[in-house]
């Protein structure tokens, strides 16, 4: 099953590396998509991800996605928690 979280960003970018590190610390599975080397057709807005990483979080009720442009750690954590991907107990253990 594919992850509900996707990071669109340049793998060598410091901001993308920071987001990957934060996701790993929170034990959240994610997919990383390099907008320069698309394997499939990417949305039009991913051209911006070459400059600033974008995090896509698929909604829990399958009504679409939430897009966060280079979110800070509290914003990312709150979004993942509100969508049922991150639980408070698993994060703090």
N, C-alpha and C. Protein backbone atom coordinates (compact mmCIF):
# COMPACT_ATOMS: atom_id res chain seq x y z
N UNK A 1 0.84 -1.19 0.00
CA UNK A 1 0.00 0.00 0.00
C UNK A 1 0.89 1.24 0.00
N UNK A 2 0.53 2.21 -0.79
CA UNK A 2 1.29 3.46 -0.84
C UNK A 2 1.02 4.28 0.42
N UNK A 3 1.98 5.08 0.74
CA UNK A 3 1.86 5.92 1.93
C UNK A 3 0.83 7.03 1.68
N UNK A 4 0.25 7.52 2.75
CA UNK A 4 -0.69 8.64 2.64
C UNK A 4 0.03 9.97 2.61
N UNK A 5 1.35 9.96 2.84
CA UNK A 5 2.14 11.18 2.86
C UNK A 5 3.17 11.13 1.74
N UNK A 6 3.25 12.21 0.98
CA UNK A 6 4.23 12.31 -0.10
C UNK A 6 4.95 13.64 0.04
N UNK A 7 6.28 13.59 -0.05
CA UNK A 7 7.08 14.81 -0.07
C UNK A 7 7.54 15.01 -1.51
N UNK A 8 7.18 16.16 -2.08
CA UNK A 8 7.66 16.54 -3.40
C UNK A 8 8.78 17.54 -3.18
N UNK A 9 10.00 17.15 -3.51
CA UNK A 9 11.12 18.06 -3.30
C UNK A 9 12.41 17.48 -3.82
N UNK A 10 13.37 18.34 -4.04
CA UNK A 10 14.68 17.93 -4.50
C UNK A 10 15.38 17.17 -3.37
N UNK A 11 15.83 15.94 -3.61
CA UNK A 11 16.44 15.14 -2.55
C UNK A 11 17.66 15.80 -1.89
N UNK A 12 18.40 16.61 -2.63
CA UNK A 12 19.59 17.25 -2.08
C UNK A 12 19.29 18.56 -1.34
N UNK A 13 18.05 19.02 -1.40
CA UNK A 13 17.67 20.28 -0.77
C UNK A 13 17.72 20.16 0.75
N UNK A 14 18.28 21.15 1.44
CA UNK A 14 18.31 21.12 2.91
C UNK A 14 16.90 21.06 3.52
N UNK A 15 15.94 21.75 2.91
CA UNK A 15 14.58 21.73 3.44
C UNK A 15 13.95 20.35 3.29
N UNK A 16 14.20 19.70 2.16
CA UNK A 16 13.67 18.35 1.95
C UNK A 16 14.30 17.37 2.93
N UNK A 17 15.60 17.50 3.13
CA UNK A 17 16.29 16.64 4.10
C UNK A 17 15.75 16.84 5.51
N UNK A 18 15.44 18.11 5.85
CA UNK A 18 14.86 18.40 7.17
C UNK A 18 13.50 17.72 7.33
N UNK A 19 12.66 17.82 6.30
CA UNK A 19 11.34 17.17 6.35
C UNK A 19 11.48 15.66 6.47
N UNK A 20 12.41 15.07 5.73
CA UNK A 20 12.63 13.63 5.82
C UNK A 20 13.07 13.25 7.24
N UNK A 21 13.96 14.02 7.80
CA UNK A 21 14.44 13.76 9.16
C UNK A 21 13.29 13.83 10.17
N UNK A 22 12.43 14.84 10.04
CA UNK A 22 11.30 14.99 10.95
C UNK A 22 10.32 13.82 10.81
N UNK A 23 10.08 13.39 9.58
CA UNK A 23 9.18 12.25 9.37
C UNK A 23 9.77 10.98 9.97
N UNK A 24 11.08 10.79 9.81
CA UNK A 24 11.73 9.61 10.38
C UNK A 24 11.69 9.62 11.90
N UNK A 25 11.87 10.78 12.50
CA UNK A 25 11.81 10.89 13.96
C UNK A 25 10.41 10.55 14.47
N UNK A 26 9.39 10.92 13.69
CA UNK A 26 8.01 10.64 14.07
C UNK A 26 7.55 9.25 13.65
N UNK A 27 8.43 8.47 13.00
CA UNK A 27 8.12 7.12 12.52
C UNK A 27 6.92 7.12 11.58
N UNK A 28 6.87 8.11 10.68
CA UNK A 28 5.80 8.22 9.70
C UNK A 28 6.34 7.79 8.35
N UNK A 29 5.65 6.86 7.71
CA UNK A 29 6.04 6.42 6.37
C UNK A 29 5.64 7.49 5.36
N UNK A 30 6.52 7.70 4.38
CA UNK A 30 6.24 8.71 3.37
C UNK A 30 6.90 8.27 2.06
N UNK A 31 6.45 8.87 0.98
CA UNK A 31 7.06 8.68 -0.32
C UNK A 31 7.76 9.98 -0.69
N UNK A 32 8.93 9.88 -1.29
CA UNK A 32 9.66 11.05 -1.75
C UNK A 32 9.64 11.06 -3.27
N UNK A 33 9.17 12.17 -3.84
CA UNK A 33 9.10 12.31 -5.30
C UNK A 33 9.97 13.49 -5.70
N UNK A 34 10.94 13.21 -6.55
CA UNK A 34 11.80 14.25 -7.09
C UNK A 34 11.07 14.89 -8.27
N UNK A 35 10.73 16.19 -8.19
CA UNK A 35 9.96 16.82 -9.26
C UNK A 35 10.74 16.97 -10.57
N UNK A 36 12.05 16.78 -10.52
CA UNK A 36 12.86 16.90 -11.73
C UNK A 36 12.85 15.59 -12.52
N UNK A 37 12.71 14.47 -11.82
CA UNK A 37 12.74 13.15 -12.46
C UNK A 37 11.40 12.45 -12.28
N UNK A 38 10.37 12.95 -12.94
CA UNK A 38 9.05 12.33 -12.76
C UNK A 38 8.97 10.95 -13.40
N UNK A 39 8.42 10.02 -12.66
CA UNK A 39 8.17 8.67 -13.19
C UNK A 39 6.77 8.59 -13.78
N UNK A 40 5.92 9.45 -13.29
CA UNK A 40 4.55 9.55 -13.79
C UNK A 40 4.24 11.03 -13.99
N UNK A 41 3.13 11.33 -14.60
CA UNK A 41 2.74 12.73 -14.78
C UNK A 41 2.48 13.35 -13.41
N UNK A 42 3.14 14.46 -13.16
CA UNK A 42 2.98 15.14 -11.88
C UNK A 42 2.04 16.32 -12.02
N UNK A 43 1.39 16.71 -10.94
CA UNK A 43 0.52 17.89 -11.00
C UNK A 43 1.31 19.14 -11.41
N UNK A 44 0.62 20.07 -11.98
CA UNK A 44 1.23 21.30 -12.47
C UNK A 44 1.98 22.07 -11.36
N UNK A 45 1.44 22.07 -10.16
CA UNK A 45 2.04 22.84 -9.07
C UNK A 45 3.36 22.28 -8.58
N UNK A 46 3.73 21.06 -8.95
CA UNK A 46 4.99 20.49 -8.47
C UNK A 46 6.21 21.19 -9.04
N UNK A 47 6.03 22.04 -10.04
CA UNK A 47 7.16 22.83 -10.54
C UNK A 47 7.71 23.71 -9.42
N UNK A 48 6.84 24.17 -8.52
CA UNK A 48 7.28 24.97 -7.38
C UNK A 48 8.11 24.15 -6.40
N UNK A 49 7.93 22.84 -6.39
CA UNK A 49 8.64 21.97 -5.45
C UNK A 49 10.13 21.90 -5.77
N UNK A 50 10.54 22.40 -6.94
CA UNK A 50 11.96 22.45 -7.25
C UNK A 50 12.66 23.47 -6.35
N UNK A 51 11.93 24.47 -5.92
CA UNK A 51 12.48 25.51 -5.05
C UNK A 51 12.20 25.25 -3.57
N UNK A 52 10.98 24.86 -3.27
CA UNK A 52 10.53 24.65 -1.90
C UNK A 52 9.75 23.34 -1.84
N UNK A 53 10.08 22.44 -0.89
CA UNK A 53 9.36 21.17 -0.83
C UNK A 53 7.88 21.34 -0.45
N UNK A 54 7.07 20.47 -1.00
CA UNK A 54 5.63 20.45 -0.72
C UNK A 54 5.29 19.08 -0.15
N UNK A 55 4.53 19.07 0.94
CA UNK A 55 4.09 17.82 1.56
C UNK A 55 2.62 17.64 1.25
N UNK A 56 2.28 16.48 0.68
CA UNK A 56 0.90 16.14 0.41
C UNK A 56 0.45 15.09 1.42
N UNK A 57 -0.63 15.38 2.13
CA UNK A 57 -1.19 14.45 3.11
C UNK A 57 -2.59 14.10 2.62
N UNK A 58 -2.81 12.83 2.30
CA UNK A 58 -4.13 12.41 1.85
C UNK A 58 -5.07 12.38 3.05
N UNK A 59 -6.24 12.94 2.87
CA UNK A 59 -7.21 13.01 3.96
C UNK A 59 -7.68 11.61 4.37
N UNK A 60 -8.00 11.49 5.63
CA UNK A 60 -8.42 10.22 6.22
C UNK A 60 -9.71 9.70 5.58
N UNK A 61 -10.60 10.61 5.19
CA UNK A 61 -11.89 10.21 4.62
C UNK A 61 -11.88 10.18 3.09
N UNK A 62 -10.70 10.23 2.48
CA UNK A 62 -10.54 10.15 1.03
C UNK A 62 -11.27 11.26 0.27
N UNK A 63 -11.33 12.45 0.84
CA UNK A 63 -11.98 13.57 0.16
C UNK A 63 -10.98 14.51 -0.47
N UNK A 64 -9.77 14.06 -0.66
CA UNK A 64 -8.75 14.92 -1.27
C UNK A 64 -7.47 14.89 -0.46
N UNK A 65 -6.71 15.95 -0.59
CA UNK A 65 -5.43 16.02 0.10
C UNK A 65 -5.22 17.40 0.70
N UNK A 66 -4.31 17.45 1.65
CA UNK A 66 -3.86 18.70 2.24
C UNK A 66 -2.45 18.92 1.72
N UNK A 67 -2.15 20.14 1.28
CA UNK A 67 -0.84 20.46 0.75
C UNK A 67 -0.18 21.49 1.67
N UNK A 68 1.01 21.18 2.14
CA UNK A 68 1.76 22.06 3.01
C UNK A 68 3.06 22.44 2.30
N UNK A 69 3.31 23.71 2.14
CA UNK A 69 4.54 24.17 1.50
C UNK A 69 5.60 24.41 2.55
N UNK A 70 6.63 23.58 2.54
CA UNK A 70 7.76 23.65 3.46
C UNK A 70 7.30 23.92 4.91
N UNK A 71 6.47 23.02 5.46
CA UNK A 71 5.93 23.28 6.80
C UNK A 71 6.98 23.16 7.88
N UNK A 72 6.78 23.92 8.96
CA UNK A 72 7.65 23.75 10.12
C UNK A 72 7.17 22.52 10.89
N UNK A 73 7.95 22.08 11.85
CA UNK A 73 7.67 20.82 12.55
C UNK A 73 6.33 20.84 13.30
N UNK A 74 5.97 21.90 14.03
CA UNK A 74 4.66 21.88 14.71
C UNK A 74 3.48 21.82 13.74
N UNK A 75 3.56 22.50 12.61
CA UNK A 75 2.48 22.48 11.62
C UNK A 75 2.35 21.09 11.02
N UNK A 76 3.48 20.50 10.66
CA UNK A 76 3.48 19.15 10.10
C UNK A 76 2.91 18.15 11.09
N UNK A 77 3.36 18.23 12.33
CA UNK A 77 2.89 17.30 13.37
C UNK A 77 1.39 17.44 13.59
N UNK A 78 0.89 18.67 13.64
CA UNK A 78 -0.54 18.91 13.85
C UNK A 78 -1.37 18.35 12.70
N UNK A 79 -0.91 18.55 11.48
CA UNK A 79 -1.63 18.03 10.31
C UNK A 79 -1.67 16.50 10.35
N UNK A 80 -0.54 15.87 10.61
CA UNK A 80 -0.49 14.40 10.67
C UNK A 80 -1.36 13.87 11.80
N UNK A 81 -1.38 14.56 12.92
CA UNK A 81 -2.21 14.15 14.05
C UNK A 81 -3.70 14.29 13.70
N UNK A 82 -4.07 15.41 13.09
CA UNK A 82 -5.49 15.64 12.77
C UNK A 82 -6.01 14.67 11.72
N UNK A 83 -5.13 14.13 10.89
CA UNK A 83 -5.54 13.17 9.86
C UNK A 83 -5.38 11.72 10.31
N UNK A 84 -5.05 11.50 11.56
CA UNK A 84 -4.98 10.15 12.11
C UNK A 84 -3.74 9.36 11.70
N UNK A 85 -2.73 10.04 11.17
CA UNK A 85 -1.50 9.37 10.77
C UNK A 85 -0.54 9.26 11.95
N UNK A 86 -0.55 10.25 12.78
CA UNK A 86 0.35 10.31 13.94
C UNK A 86 -0.50 10.31 15.19
N UNK A 87 -0.14 9.48 16.14
CA UNK A 87 -0.85 9.50 17.42
C UNK A 87 0.08 10.08 18.47
N UNK A 88 -0.49 10.73 19.44
CA UNK A 88 0.31 11.35 20.48
C UNK A 88 1.13 10.32 21.22
N UNK A 89 0.54 9.18 21.52
CA UNK A 89 1.27 8.17 22.29
C UNK A 89 2.42 7.56 21.51
N UNK A 90 2.23 7.30 20.23
CA UNK A 90 3.32 6.70 19.45
C UNK A 90 4.45 7.70 19.23
N UNK A 91 4.12 8.98 19.14
CA UNK A 91 5.13 9.99 18.91
C UNK A 91 6.04 10.16 20.14
N UNK A 92 5.46 10.11 21.32
CA UNK A 92 6.22 10.39 22.53
C UNK A 92 6.87 9.17 23.12
N UNK A 93 6.61 7.98 22.62
CA UNK A 93 7.25 6.77 23.17
C UNK A 93 8.66 6.61 22.69
